[in-house]
N, C-alpha and C. Protein backbone atom coordinates (compact mmCIF):
# COMPACT_ATOMS: atom_id res chain seq x y z
N MET A 1 88.48 71.67 102.05
CA MET A 1 89.71 72.15 101.41
C MET A 1 90.87 72.05 102.40
N ARG A 2 91.98 71.48 101.94
CA ARG A 2 93.12 71.33 102.82
C ARG A 2 93.71 72.68 103.18
N LYS A 3 94.01 72.86 104.47
CA LYS A 3 94.60 74.11 104.92
C LYS A 3 96.11 74.05 104.77
N MET A 4 96.69 75.22 104.60
CA MET A 4 98.14 75.30 104.46
C MET A 4 98.69 76.18 105.59
N ARG A 5 99.68 75.68 106.29
CA ARG A 5 100.29 76.43 107.37
C ARG A 5 101.78 76.58 107.11
N LYS A 6 102.28 77.78 107.32
CA LYS A 6 103.70 78.05 107.14
C LYS A 6 104.21 78.76 108.38
N SER A 7 105.39 78.36 108.85
CA SER A 7 105.91 78.98 110.07
C SER A 7 106.47 80.36 109.78
N SER A 8 107.25 80.49 108.70
CA SER A 8 107.85 81.79 108.40
C SER A 8 108.36 81.82 106.97
N ILE A 9 108.11 82.93 106.27
CA ILE A 9 108.64 83.16 104.93
C ILE A 9 109.24 84.56 104.92
N THR A 10 110.44 84.69 104.36
CA THR A 10 111.10 85.99 104.32
C THR A 10 111.66 86.25 102.93
N GLY A 11 112.01 87.53 102.66
CA GLY A 11 112.62 87.88 101.39
C GLY A 11 113.18 89.28 101.43
N ALA A 12 113.93 89.65 100.38
CA ALA A 12 114.53 90.97 100.33
C ALA A 12 114.79 91.38 98.88
N VAL A 13 114.84 92.69 98.63
CA VAL A 13 115.22 93.23 97.33
C VAL A 13 116.13 94.43 97.56
N VAL A 14 116.93 94.79 96.55
CA VAL A 14 117.89 95.88 96.68
C VAL A 14 117.81 96.77 95.45
N ALA A 15 117.93 98.09 95.67
CA ALA A 15 118.04 99.04 94.57
C ALA A 15 119.28 99.90 94.81
N LEU A 16 120.13 100.03 93.80
CA LEU A 16 121.34 100.83 93.93
C LEU A 16 121.15 102.20 93.30
N THR A 17 121.81 103.20 93.88
CA THR A 17 121.74 104.55 93.37
C THR A 17 122.66 104.72 92.16
N PHE A 18 122.15 105.34 91.10
CA PHE A 18 122.99 105.68 89.97
C PHE A 18 123.64 107.04 90.22
N ALA A 19 124.71 107.31 89.51
CA ALA A 19 125.47 108.54 89.73
C ALA A 19 124.63 109.78 89.51
N THR A 20 123.60 109.69 88.69
CA THR A 20 122.78 110.86 88.38
C THR A 20 121.64 111.07 89.37
N ALA A 21 121.50 110.14 90.33
CA ALA A 21 120.33 110.20 91.20
C ALA A 21 120.28 111.47 92.03
N GLY A 22 121.44 112.02 92.39
CA GLY A 22 121.46 113.18 93.25
C GLY A 22 121.06 114.47 92.56
N THR A 23 120.89 114.44 91.26
CA THR A 23 120.61 115.67 90.54
C THR A 23 119.12 115.97 90.43
N ALA A 24 118.27 115.05 90.88
CA ALA A 24 116.83 115.26 90.77
C ALA A 24 116.14 114.72 92.00
N LEU A 25 114.91 115.17 92.22
CA LEU A 25 114.14 114.66 93.35
C LEU A 25 113.79 113.20 93.12
N ALA A 26 113.86 112.41 94.20
CA ALA A 26 113.53 111.00 94.08
C ALA A 26 112.04 110.83 93.85
N ALA A 27 111.68 109.72 93.19
CA ALA A 27 110.28 109.46 92.88
C ALA A 27 109.50 109.02 94.11
N ASN A 28 110.20 108.52 95.12
CA ASN A 28 109.57 108.07 96.37
C ASN A 28 109.96 108.99 97.52
N PRO A 29 109.21 108.96 98.63
CA PRO A 29 109.52 109.81 99.78
C PRO A 29 110.81 109.35 100.46
N PRO A 30 111.38 110.18 101.35
CA PRO A 30 112.58 109.76 102.09
C PRO A 30 112.37 108.44 102.82
N GLY A 31 111.17 108.23 103.33
CA GLY A 31 110.82 106.97 103.98
C GLY A 31 109.40 107.02 104.51
N SER A 32 108.64 105.96 104.31
CA SER A 32 107.28 105.91 104.82
C SER A 32 106.88 104.46 105.02
N ALA A 33 105.89 104.25 105.90
CA ALA A 33 105.42 102.89 106.18
C ALA A 33 103.97 102.92 106.63
N SER A 34 103.24 101.88 106.28
CA SER A 34 101.87 101.68 106.76
C SER A 34 101.63 100.18 106.85
N ALA A 35 100.89 99.76 107.88
CA ALA A 35 100.69 98.33 108.11
C ALA A 35 99.60 97.72 107.24
N GLY A 36 98.72 98.56 106.66
CA GLY A 36 97.68 97.99 105.82
C GLY A 36 96.49 98.91 105.66
N SER A 37 95.54 98.48 104.84
CA SER A 37 94.30 99.22 104.61
C SER A 37 93.34 98.29 103.88
N ALA A 38 92.10 98.72 103.77
CA ALA A 38 91.10 97.91 103.05
C ALA A 38 89.99 98.80 102.52
N ASP A 39 89.46 98.41 101.37
CA ASP A 39 88.31 99.08 100.78
C ASP A 39 87.61 98.07 99.87
N PHE A 40 86.58 97.42 100.41
CA PHE A 40 85.88 96.41 99.62
C PHE A 40 84.39 96.49 99.90
N ALA A 41 83.61 95.83 99.04
CA ALA A 41 82.16 95.97 99.15
C ALA A 41 81.47 94.71 98.66
N LYS A 42 80.22 94.54 99.11
CA LYS A 42 79.37 93.46 98.66
C LYS A 42 77.91 93.89 98.79
N ALA A 43 77.16 93.67 97.72
CA ALA A 43 75.72 93.96 97.72
C ALA A 43 75.43 95.39 98.21
N GLY A 44 76.23 96.33 97.74
CA GLY A 44 76.00 97.73 98.08
C GLY A 44 76.51 98.16 99.43
N GLN A 45 77.07 97.25 100.21
CA GLN A 45 77.61 97.60 101.52
C GLN A 45 79.13 97.68 101.43
N THR A 46 79.69 98.80 101.85
CA THR A 46 81.13 99.04 101.74
C THR A 46 81.82 98.88 103.09
N PHE A 47 82.98 98.26 103.06
CA PHE A 47 83.79 98.06 104.27
C PHE A 47 85.14 98.71 104.04
N THR A 48 85.46 99.69 104.87
CA THR A 48 86.68 100.46 104.68
C THR A 48 87.54 100.44 105.93
N VAL A 49 88.84 100.27 105.74
CA VAL A 49 89.83 100.42 106.81
C VAL A 49 90.84 101.45 106.33
N ALA A 50 90.89 102.60 106.99
CA ALA A 50 91.86 103.64 106.61
C ALA A 50 93.28 103.13 106.86
N PRO A 51 94.27 103.69 106.17
CA PRO A 51 95.65 103.23 106.36
C PRO A 51 96.03 103.12 107.84
N LEU A 52 96.59 101.99 108.20
CA LEU A 52 96.90 101.66 109.59
C LEU A 52 98.36 101.98 109.92
N ALA A 53 98.57 102.50 111.12
CA ALA A 53 99.91 102.70 111.68
C ALA A 53 100.85 103.37 110.69
N VAL A 54 100.51 104.57 110.29
CA VAL A 54 101.29 105.29 109.28
C VAL A 54 102.42 106.08 109.93
N CYS A 55 103.60 106.08 109.32
CA CYS A 55 104.68 106.96 109.76
C CYS A 55 105.46 107.44 108.54
N ASP A 56 106.14 108.58 108.72
CA ASP A 56 106.96 109.17 107.67
C ASP A 56 108.30 109.60 108.26
N VAL A 57 109.36 109.28 107.55
CA VAL A 57 110.71 109.69 107.97
C VAL A 57 110.83 111.21 107.95
N ASN A 58 111.47 111.76 108.99
CA ASN A 58 111.89 113.17 108.97
C ASN A 58 113.37 113.18 108.61
N PRO A 59 113.72 113.48 107.35
CA PRO A 59 115.11 113.36 106.92
C PRO A 59 116.04 114.41 107.53
N ASP A 60 115.47 115.46 108.12
CA ASP A 60 116.28 116.56 108.63
C ASP A 60 116.61 116.46 110.11
N VAL A 61 115.97 115.54 110.81
CA VAL A 61 116.17 115.41 112.26
C VAL A 61 116.39 113.96 112.61
N ALA A 62 117.47 113.66 113.33
CA ALA A 62 117.72 112.30 113.77
C ALA A 62 116.67 111.89 114.80
N GLY A 63 116.23 110.65 114.73
CA GLY A 63 115.23 110.17 115.67
C GLY A 63 114.23 109.26 114.99
N THR A 64 113.22 108.86 115.74
CA THR A 64 112.23 107.90 115.24
C THR A 64 110.82 108.46 115.36
N VAL A 65 110.09 108.37 114.27
CA VAL A 65 108.67 108.72 114.24
C VAL A 65 107.89 107.40 114.28
N THR A 66 106.90 107.32 115.15
CA THR A 66 106.16 106.07 115.30
C THR A 66 104.70 106.22 114.89
N GLY A 67 104.11 105.10 114.54
CA GLY A 67 102.68 105.06 114.24
C GLY A 67 102.09 103.80 114.85
N SER A 68 100.83 103.84 115.22
CA SER A 68 100.18 102.66 115.77
C SER A 68 98.67 102.75 115.54
N SER A 69 98.04 101.60 115.44
CA SER A 69 96.59 101.53 115.29
C SER A 69 96.06 100.35 116.11
N PRO A 70 94.91 100.51 116.73
CA PRO A 70 94.32 99.40 117.47
C PRO A 70 93.75 98.35 116.50
N ALA A 71 93.37 97.23 117.04
CA ALA A 71 92.75 96.18 116.23
C ALA A 71 91.47 96.71 115.58
N VAL A 72 91.20 96.24 114.37
CA VAL A 72 89.99 96.65 113.67
C VAL A 72 89.19 95.42 113.26
N SER A 73 87.88 95.59 113.15
CA SER A 73 87.01 94.49 112.76
C SER A 73 85.92 95.01 111.83
N ARG A 74 85.80 94.38 110.67
CA ARG A 74 84.73 94.65 109.73
C ARG A 74 84.07 93.31 109.40
N THR A 75 82.90 93.33 108.83
CA THR A 75 82.24 92.09 108.46
C THR A 75 83.13 91.30 107.50
N GLY A 76 83.57 90.13 107.92
CA GLY A 76 84.42 89.28 107.09
C GLY A 76 85.90 89.56 107.19
N LEU A 77 86.32 90.53 108.01
CA LEU A 77 87.74 90.88 108.10
C LEU A 77 88.10 91.35 109.51
N LYS A 78 89.20 90.80 110.05
CA LYS A 78 89.76 91.29 111.30
C LYS A 78 91.26 91.48 111.13
N ILE A 79 91.76 92.56 111.70
CA ILE A 79 93.20 92.84 111.72
C ILE A 79 93.56 93.25 113.14
N GLY A 80 94.58 92.61 113.70
CA GLY A 80 95.00 92.93 115.06
C GLY A 80 95.75 94.24 115.15
N GLU A 81 96.38 94.48 116.27
CA GLU A 81 97.12 95.72 116.48
C GLU A 81 98.28 95.84 115.48
N THR A 82 98.52 97.06 115.02
CA THR A 82 99.58 97.31 114.05
C THR A 82 100.46 98.46 114.54
N SER A 83 101.70 98.51 114.03
CA SER A 83 102.64 99.55 114.44
C SER A 83 103.61 99.85 113.31
N SER A 84 104.27 100.99 113.41
CA SER A 84 105.29 101.36 112.43
C SER A 84 106.32 102.25 113.08
N THR A 85 107.54 102.24 112.53
CA THR A 85 108.61 103.14 112.95
C THR A 85 109.35 103.65 111.72
N CYS A 86 109.65 104.94 111.72
CA CYS A 86 110.41 105.57 110.64
C CYS A 86 111.58 106.31 111.28
N THR A 87 112.79 105.80 111.06
CA THR A 87 113.96 106.27 111.80
C THR A 87 114.99 106.92 110.88
N THR A 88 115.55 108.04 111.35
CA THR A 88 116.68 108.69 110.69
C THR A 88 117.87 108.63 111.64
N GLU A 89 119.01 108.14 111.14
CA GLU A 89 120.22 108.02 111.95
C GLU A 89 121.38 108.73 111.26
N VAL A 90 122.11 109.54 112.01
CA VAL A 90 123.30 110.20 111.47
C VAL A 90 124.48 109.24 111.62
N VAL A 91 125.10 108.88 110.50
CA VAL A 91 126.21 107.93 110.55
C VAL A 91 127.57 108.62 110.43
N ASN A 92 127.58 109.83 109.84
CA ASN A 92 128.82 110.59 109.73
C ASN A 92 128.47 112.07 109.70
N PRO A 93 128.48 112.73 110.87
CA PRO A 93 128.08 114.14 110.91
C PRO A 93 129.02 115.06 110.14
N ASP A 94 130.30 114.68 110.03
CA ASP A 94 131.25 115.53 109.30
C ASP A 94 130.94 115.57 107.81
N GLU A 95 130.42 114.47 107.30
CA GLU A 95 130.09 114.41 105.87
C GLU A 95 128.58 114.49 105.64
N PHE A 96 127.82 114.75 106.70
CA PHE A 96 126.36 114.89 106.62
C PHE A 96 125.70 113.64 106.03
N LEU A 97 126.22 112.48 106.42
CA LEU A 97 125.68 111.22 105.93
C LEU A 97 124.66 110.65 106.92
N THR A 98 123.53 110.23 106.39
CA THR A 98 122.48 109.64 107.23
C THR A 98 122.00 108.33 106.60
N ARG A 99 121.25 107.58 107.38
CA ARG A 99 120.55 106.41 106.85
C ARG A 99 119.18 106.35 107.50
N THR A 100 118.25 105.75 106.82
CA THR A 100 116.88 105.67 107.32
C THR A 100 116.38 104.23 107.30
N LYS A 101 115.38 103.98 108.13
CA LYS A 101 114.73 102.66 108.17
C LYS A 101 113.25 102.87 108.45
N SER A 102 112.42 102.36 107.56
CA SER A 102 110.96 102.46 107.70
C SER A 102 110.39 101.05 107.81
N VAL A 103 109.64 100.81 108.89
CA VAL A 103 109.15 99.45 109.19
C VAL A 103 107.67 99.49 109.54
N ALA A 104 106.90 98.54 109.01
CA ALA A 104 105.50 98.36 109.41
C ALA A 104 105.30 96.91 109.84
N LYS A 105 104.53 96.73 110.93
CA LYS A 105 104.29 95.40 111.46
C LYS A 105 102.82 95.23 111.83
N GLY A 106 102.35 94.00 111.78
CA GLY A 106 100.98 93.73 112.18
C GLY A 106 100.81 92.30 112.63
N VAL A 107 99.69 92.04 113.29
CA VAL A 107 99.37 90.69 113.77
C VAL A 107 97.90 90.39 113.50
N ALA A 108 97.60 89.08 113.49
CA ALA A 108 96.22 88.57 113.53
C ALA A 108 95.35 89.04 112.36
N PHE A 109 95.86 88.84 111.13
CA PHE A 109 95.02 89.06 109.95
C PHE A 109 94.12 87.84 109.78
N ASP A 110 92.82 88.10 109.62
CA ASP A 110 91.84 87.02 109.51
C ASP A 110 90.76 87.44 108.53
N LEU A 111 90.81 86.89 107.32
CA LEU A 111 89.81 87.18 106.29
C LEU A 111 88.85 85.99 106.20
N SER A 112 87.65 86.18 106.71
CA SER A 112 86.64 85.11 106.70
C SER A 112 85.57 85.33 105.64
N ALA A 113 85.65 86.44 104.91
CA ALA A 113 84.61 86.80 103.94
C ALA A 113 84.37 85.70 102.92
N LEU A 114 85.44 85.11 102.40
CA LEU A 114 85.29 84.10 101.35
C LEU A 114 84.77 82.77 101.92
N ALA A 115 85.09 82.52 103.18
CA ALA A 115 84.62 81.29 103.82
C ALA A 115 83.12 81.35 104.09
N GLY A 116 82.55 82.56 104.04
CA GLY A 116 81.12 82.72 104.27
C GLY A 116 80.26 82.55 103.03
N LEU A 117 80.90 82.30 101.87
CA LEU A 117 80.13 82.08 100.64
C LEU A 117 79.46 80.72 100.69
N SER A 118 78.41 80.55 99.92
CA SER A 118 77.60 79.34 100.02
C SER A 118 77.96 78.31 98.97
N GLY A 119 77.63 77.05 99.27
CA GLY A 119 77.77 75.96 98.31
C GLY A 119 79.19 75.73 97.87
N GLY A 120 79.34 75.30 96.60
CA GLY A 120 80.66 75.00 96.06
C GLY A 120 81.52 76.23 95.87
N ASN A 121 80.94 77.40 96.00
CA ASN A 121 81.69 78.64 95.84
C ASN A 121 82.35 79.09 97.15
N ARG A 122 82.21 78.26 98.17
CA ARG A 122 82.80 78.63 99.46
C ARG A 122 84.32 78.59 99.37
N GLY A 123 84.95 79.65 99.86
CA GLY A 123 86.40 79.75 99.81
C GLY A 123 87.07 79.49 101.14
N PRO A 124 88.39 79.65 101.19
CA PRO A 124 89.13 79.40 102.42
C PRO A 124 89.06 80.58 103.38
N ARG A 125 89.34 80.30 104.63
CA ARG A 125 89.55 81.35 105.62
C ARG A 125 91.04 81.64 105.63
N LEU A 126 91.42 82.85 105.31
CA LEU A 126 92.82 83.21 105.15
C LEU A 126 93.34 83.90 106.41
N LYS A 127 94.44 83.36 106.96
CA LYS A 127 95.00 83.93 108.18
C LYS A 127 96.50 84.16 108.03
N ILE A 128 96.98 85.22 108.66
CA ILE A 128 98.41 85.49 108.80
C ILE A 128 98.62 85.94 110.24
N ALA A 129 99.41 85.19 111.00
CA ALA A 129 99.61 85.51 112.42
C ALA A 129 100.42 86.78 112.61
N GLU A 130 101.48 86.96 111.80
CA GLU A 130 102.34 88.14 111.91
C GLU A 130 102.88 88.50 110.54
N TRP A 131 103.09 89.79 110.32
CA TRP A 131 103.75 90.23 109.09
C TRP A 131 104.55 91.48 109.37
N SER A 132 105.60 91.68 108.58
CA SER A 132 106.40 92.90 108.68
C SER A 132 107.03 93.18 107.33
N VAL A 133 107.28 94.45 107.08
CA VAL A 133 107.93 94.88 105.84
C VAL A 133 108.78 96.10 106.18
N ASN A 134 109.96 96.22 105.56
CA ASN A 134 110.85 97.33 105.87
C ASN A 134 111.51 97.87 104.61
N CYS A 135 111.89 99.14 104.65
CA CYS A 135 112.62 99.79 103.57
C CYS A 135 113.78 100.56 104.20
N ASP A 136 115.01 100.22 103.83
CA ASP A 136 116.21 100.82 104.40
C ASP A 136 116.93 101.63 103.32
N ALA A 137 117.51 102.76 103.72
CA ALA A 137 118.18 103.61 102.74
C ALA A 137 119.44 104.24 103.32
N ASP A 138 120.44 104.39 102.47
CA ASP A 138 121.62 105.19 102.78
C ASP A 138 122.04 105.90 101.50
N GLU A 139 123.26 106.48 101.51
CA GLU A 139 123.66 107.25 100.33
C GLU A 139 123.95 106.37 99.12
N LYS A 140 124.10 105.06 99.32
CA LYS A 140 124.42 104.15 98.23
C LYS A 140 123.17 103.59 97.53
N GLY A 141 122.03 103.62 98.22
CA GLY A 141 120.83 103.07 97.61
C GLY A 141 119.82 102.63 98.66
N THR A 142 118.94 101.74 98.27
CA THR A 142 117.84 101.30 99.15
C THR A 142 117.70 99.78 99.08
N SER A 143 117.08 99.24 100.11
CA SER A 143 116.76 97.81 100.13
C SER A 143 115.48 97.62 100.92
N ALA A 144 114.76 96.55 100.60
CA ALA A 144 113.51 96.25 101.29
C ALA A 144 113.50 94.79 101.69
N GLY A 145 112.87 94.49 102.82
CA GLY A 145 112.74 93.13 103.28
C GLY A 145 111.35 92.89 103.84
N TRP A 146 110.99 91.63 104.03
CA TRP A 146 109.65 91.32 104.50
C TRP A 146 109.63 89.96 105.19
N GLN A 147 108.59 89.74 105.99
CA GLN A 147 108.42 88.46 106.67
C GLN A 147 106.94 88.18 106.89
N LEU A 148 106.56 86.93 106.69
CA LEU A 148 105.20 86.45 106.95
C LEU A 148 105.30 85.24 107.88
N LYS A 149 104.47 85.21 108.92
CA LYS A 149 104.49 84.09 109.86
C LYS A 149 103.07 83.57 110.11
N GLY A 150 102.99 82.28 110.37
CA GLY A 150 101.73 81.68 110.79
C GLY A 150 100.62 81.81 109.77
N MET A 151 100.88 81.38 108.54
CA MET A 151 99.88 81.49 107.48
C MET A 151 99.03 80.22 107.41
N SER A 152 97.74 80.36 107.23
CA SER A 152 96.86 79.21 107.01
C SER A 152 95.77 79.58 106.02
N GLY A 153 95.32 78.57 105.27
CA GLY A 153 94.30 78.77 104.25
C GLY A 153 94.85 79.08 102.87
N TRP A 154 96.16 79.26 102.76
CA TRP A 154 96.78 79.67 101.50
C TRP A 154 97.23 78.45 100.70
N THR A 155 96.31 77.59 100.37
CA THR A 155 96.62 76.34 99.68
C THR A 155 97.31 76.60 98.33
N GLY A 156 98.46 75.94 98.13
CA GLY A 156 99.19 76.07 96.88
C GLY A 156 100.23 77.17 96.86
N LEU A 157 100.36 77.93 97.93
CA LEU A 157 101.38 78.99 97.97
C LEU A 157 102.76 78.34 98.07
N PRO A 158 103.72 78.76 97.22
CA PRO A 158 105.05 78.13 97.26
C PRO A 158 105.79 78.42 98.55
N ALA A 159 106.71 77.51 98.90
CA ALA A 159 107.49 77.67 100.13
C ALA A 159 108.37 78.92 100.07
N GLN A 160 108.87 79.25 98.88
CA GLN A 160 109.62 80.47 98.66
C GLN A 160 108.84 81.34 97.68
N ILE A 161 108.39 82.50 98.14
CA ILE A 161 107.54 83.36 97.31
C ILE A 161 108.42 84.28 96.46
N PRO A 162 108.38 84.15 95.14
CA PRO A 162 109.18 85.04 94.29
C PRO A 162 108.59 86.44 94.26
N PRO A 163 109.39 87.45 93.94
CA PRO A 163 108.89 88.82 93.87
C PRO A 163 107.73 88.96 92.90
N GLY A 164 106.68 89.64 93.33
CA GLY A 164 105.55 89.88 92.46
C GLY A 164 104.67 88.68 92.21
N TYR A 165 104.79 87.65 93.03
CA TYR A 165 104.03 86.42 92.82
C TYR A 165 102.54 86.65 93.02
N VAL A 166 101.72 86.12 92.11
CA VAL A 166 100.26 86.23 92.20
C VAL A 166 99.67 84.87 92.54
N HIS A 167 98.97 84.80 93.65
CA HIS A 167 98.37 83.55 94.14
C HIS A 167 96.86 83.60 93.93
N ASP A 168 96.32 82.55 93.28
CA ASP A 168 94.89 82.45 93.08
C ASP A 168 94.23 81.85 94.33
N VAL A 169 93.31 82.60 94.91
CA VAL A 169 92.53 82.09 96.04
C VAL A 169 91.27 81.45 95.47
N LYS A 170 91.14 80.13 95.66
CA LYS A 170 90.10 79.39 94.98
C LYS A 170 89.02 78.86 95.93
N ALA A 171 87.81 78.73 95.36
CA ALA A 171 86.72 78.08 96.08
C ALA A 171 86.91 76.57 96.03
N SER A 172 86.08 75.86 96.79
CA SER A 172 86.18 74.40 96.81
C SER A 172 85.90 73.78 95.45
N ASN A 173 85.17 74.50 94.58
CA ASN A 173 84.89 73.99 93.23
C ASN A 173 85.91 74.45 92.20
N GLY A 174 86.97 75.14 92.65
CA GLY A 174 88.03 75.57 91.75
C GLY A 174 87.89 76.98 91.20
N THR A 175 86.77 77.63 91.47
CA THR A 175 86.56 79.00 91.00
C THR A 175 87.55 79.96 91.68
N VAL A 176 88.17 80.83 90.92
CA VAL A 176 89.07 81.83 91.50
C VAL A 176 88.24 82.96 92.08
N LEU A 177 88.35 83.14 93.39
CA LEU A 177 87.57 84.15 94.11
C LEU A 177 88.33 85.46 94.31
N ALA A 178 89.64 85.36 94.35
CA ALA A 178 90.47 86.55 94.58
C ALA A 178 91.88 86.26 94.10
N LYS A 179 92.62 87.32 93.83
CA LYS A 179 94.04 87.19 93.47
C LYS A 179 94.86 87.95 94.51
N ALA A 180 95.86 87.28 95.05
CA ALA A 180 96.72 87.89 96.07
C ALA A 180 98.12 88.08 95.48
N LYS A 181 98.54 89.33 95.37
CA LYS A 181 99.88 89.63 94.85
C LYS A 181 100.82 89.91 96.00
N PHE A 182 101.91 89.14 96.06
CA PHE A 182 102.88 89.25 97.15
C PHE A 182 104.11 90.03 96.70
N THR A 183 104.66 90.80 97.62
CA THR A 183 105.94 91.51 97.47
C THR A 183 106.04 92.23 96.13
N ASP A 184 105.09 93.09 95.88
CA ASP A 184 105.08 93.89 94.66
C ASP A 184 106.01 95.08 94.85
N THR A 185 107.16 95.04 94.19
CA THR A 185 108.18 96.09 94.33
C THR A 185 108.20 96.94 93.07
N VAL A 186 108.17 98.26 93.24
CA VAL A 186 108.15 99.18 92.12
C VAL A 186 109.40 100.05 92.15
N PHE A 187 110.14 100.03 91.04
CA PHE A 187 111.31 100.89 90.87
C PHE A 187 110.95 101.98 89.85
N PRO A 188 111.24 103.23 90.15
CA PRO A 188 110.88 104.31 89.22
C PRO A 188 111.69 104.23 87.93
N VAL A 189 111.12 104.79 86.88
CA VAL A 189 111.80 104.89 85.59
C VAL A 189 111.86 106.36 85.19
N PRO A 190 113.06 106.94 85.04
CA PRO A 190 114.37 106.29 85.21
C PRO A 190 114.64 105.96 86.67
N ASN A 191 115.49 104.98 86.89
CA ASN A 191 115.79 104.49 88.24
C ASN A 191 116.64 105.50 89.00
N ASP A 192 116.11 106.00 90.12
CA ASP A 192 116.86 106.95 90.95
C ASP A 192 117.35 106.31 92.24
N GLY A 193 117.25 104.99 92.34
CA GLY A 193 117.70 104.29 93.54
C GLY A 193 116.62 104.11 94.59
N SER A 194 115.45 104.73 94.41
CA SER A 194 114.37 104.58 95.39
C SER A 194 113.51 103.37 95.03
N LEU A 195 112.65 102.97 95.96
CA LEU A 195 111.74 101.87 95.68
C LEU A 195 110.53 101.95 96.61
N SER A 196 109.49 101.24 96.23
CA SER A 196 108.33 101.05 97.09
C SER A 196 107.93 99.59 97.03
N MET A 197 107.39 99.09 98.14
CA MET A 197 106.98 97.69 98.19
C MET A 197 105.64 97.55 98.89
N THR A 198 104.77 96.73 98.32
CA THR A 198 103.54 96.31 98.97
C THR A 198 103.68 94.82 99.27
N LEU A 199 103.62 94.46 100.53
CA LEU A 199 103.83 93.07 100.92
C LEU A 199 102.73 92.17 100.37
N LEU A 200 101.48 92.58 100.48
CA LEU A 200 100.36 91.76 100.00
C LEU A 200 99.19 92.65 99.62
N LYS A 201 98.67 92.42 98.43
CA LYS A 201 97.43 93.07 98.01
C LYS A 201 96.48 92.01 97.48
N LEU A 202 95.36 91.83 98.15
CA LEU A 202 94.36 90.85 97.75
C LEU A 202 93.21 91.58 97.07
N THR A 203 92.95 91.23 95.81
CA THR A 203 91.90 91.86 95.03
C THR A 203 90.81 90.83 94.73
N PHE A 204 89.58 91.17 95.09
CA PHE A 204 88.46 90.25 94.88
C PHE A 204 88.11 90.14 93.41
N GLU A 205 87.77 88.93 92.97
CA GLU A 205 87.27 88.67 91.64
C GLU A 205 85.74 88.76 91.64
N PRO A 206 85.12 89.07 90.49
CA PRO A 206 83.65 89.17 90.43
C PRO A 206 82.94 87.91 90.92
N SER A 207 83.56 86.75 90.72
CA SER A 207 82.93 85.48 91.12
C SER A 207 82.70 85.38 92.62
N SER A 208 83.39 86.21 93.40
CA SER A 208 83.24 86.17 94.86
C SER A 208 82.02 86.94 95.34
N GLY A 209 81.50 87.81 94.48
CA GLY A 209 80.42 88.70 94.91
C GLY A 209 80.92 89.96 95.58
N TYR A 210 82.23 90.04 95.78
CA TYR A 210 82.85 91.22 96.38
C TYR A 210 83.58 92.03 95.31
N THR A 211 83.76 93.30 95.60
CA THR A 211 84.65 94.14 94.80
C THR A 211 85.64 94.81 95.74
N GLY A 212 86.73 95.32 95.18
CA GLY A 212 87.69 96.04 96.01
C GLY A 212 88.88 95.19 96.39
N SER A 213 89.64 95.68 97.38
CA SER A 213 90.89 95.01 97.73
C SER A 213 91.26 95.26 99.18
N ILE A 214 92.23 94.46 99.65
CA ILE A 214 92.79 94.56 101.00
C ILE A 214 94.30 94.56 100.86
N THR A 215 94.97 95.45 101.57
CA THR A 215 96.42 95.57 101.49
C THR A 215 97.05 95.37 102.85
N LEU A 216 98.16 94.64 102.88
CA LEU A 216 98.95 94.49 104.10
C LEU A 216 100.38 94.92 103.84
N GLY A 217 100.86 95.90 104.60
CA GLY A 217 102.26 96.27 104.59
C GLY A 217 102.73 97.01 103.37
N THR A 218 102.88 98.35 103.47
CA THR A 218 103.45 99.14 102.38
C THR A 218 104.59 99.99 102.94
N VAL A 219 105.67 100.06 102.19
CA VAL A 219 106.81 100.90 102.56
C VAL A 219 107.39 101.54 101.30
N ALA A 220 108.11 102.62 101.49
CA ALA A 220 108.83 103.27 100.40
C ALA A 220 110.01 104.02 101.00
N CYS A 221 111.09 104.17 100.24
CA CYS A 221 112.23 104.96 100.71
C CYS A 221 113.10 105.38 99.54
N SER A 222 113.91 106.38 99.78
CA SER A 222 114.83 106.93 98.77
C SER A 222 116.21 107.04 99.35
N PRO A 223 117.25 107.00 98.50
CA PRO A 223 118.61 107.17 99.00
C PRO A 223 118.76 108.48 99.76
N THR A 224 119.56 108.45 100.80
CA THR A 224 119.76 109.65 101.61
C THR A 224 120.70 110.60 100.90
N PRO A 225 120.65 111.89 101.24
CA PRO A 225 121.50 112.88 100.57
C PRO A 225 123.00 112.56 100.77
């Protein structure tokens, strides 16, 4: 199977605050970030990775909260070191205006589980050298951005990934082994200006022999008071 390599892919989304947003609690937290997690299984054996490098914004105190996790390794999956920062900045103390930024980063994602399948059902080895996702907020609204670097094994992935794009991960015989959803952004209804984004969620299909999913990069934030 031909391998696919990409140097860098980036994107962004924006949510604006409506005039009524300040009258109710936001559907999302002031700011949070995590570099990833996993919960999948095969033949009765479960492989779990608890949320990596978690941080939460402290909206009442200026400063940065950090999170970090060492590299992890499970059968068929490796994730390098991960980190996160959740920052609150005072931009106008006289008017009590603040802004926040929540960021999660990671390196060396290597999913070999599908490459270990036998015969024509053998899938690709999926790699991502670096990834990051961020959620920024001020009194006007929120925005999110993301970046993926050094991707290989993602045959057929478009050069520009549209929001919510679902990529079929296929075996050499064409069987779909997993579905990877990129940049899944959720806006609450009614819209209060907040948002949450998952950079990548890979869900195994029954044909792979695996169940469960793997997530890379989650953030959420709400407009500041």
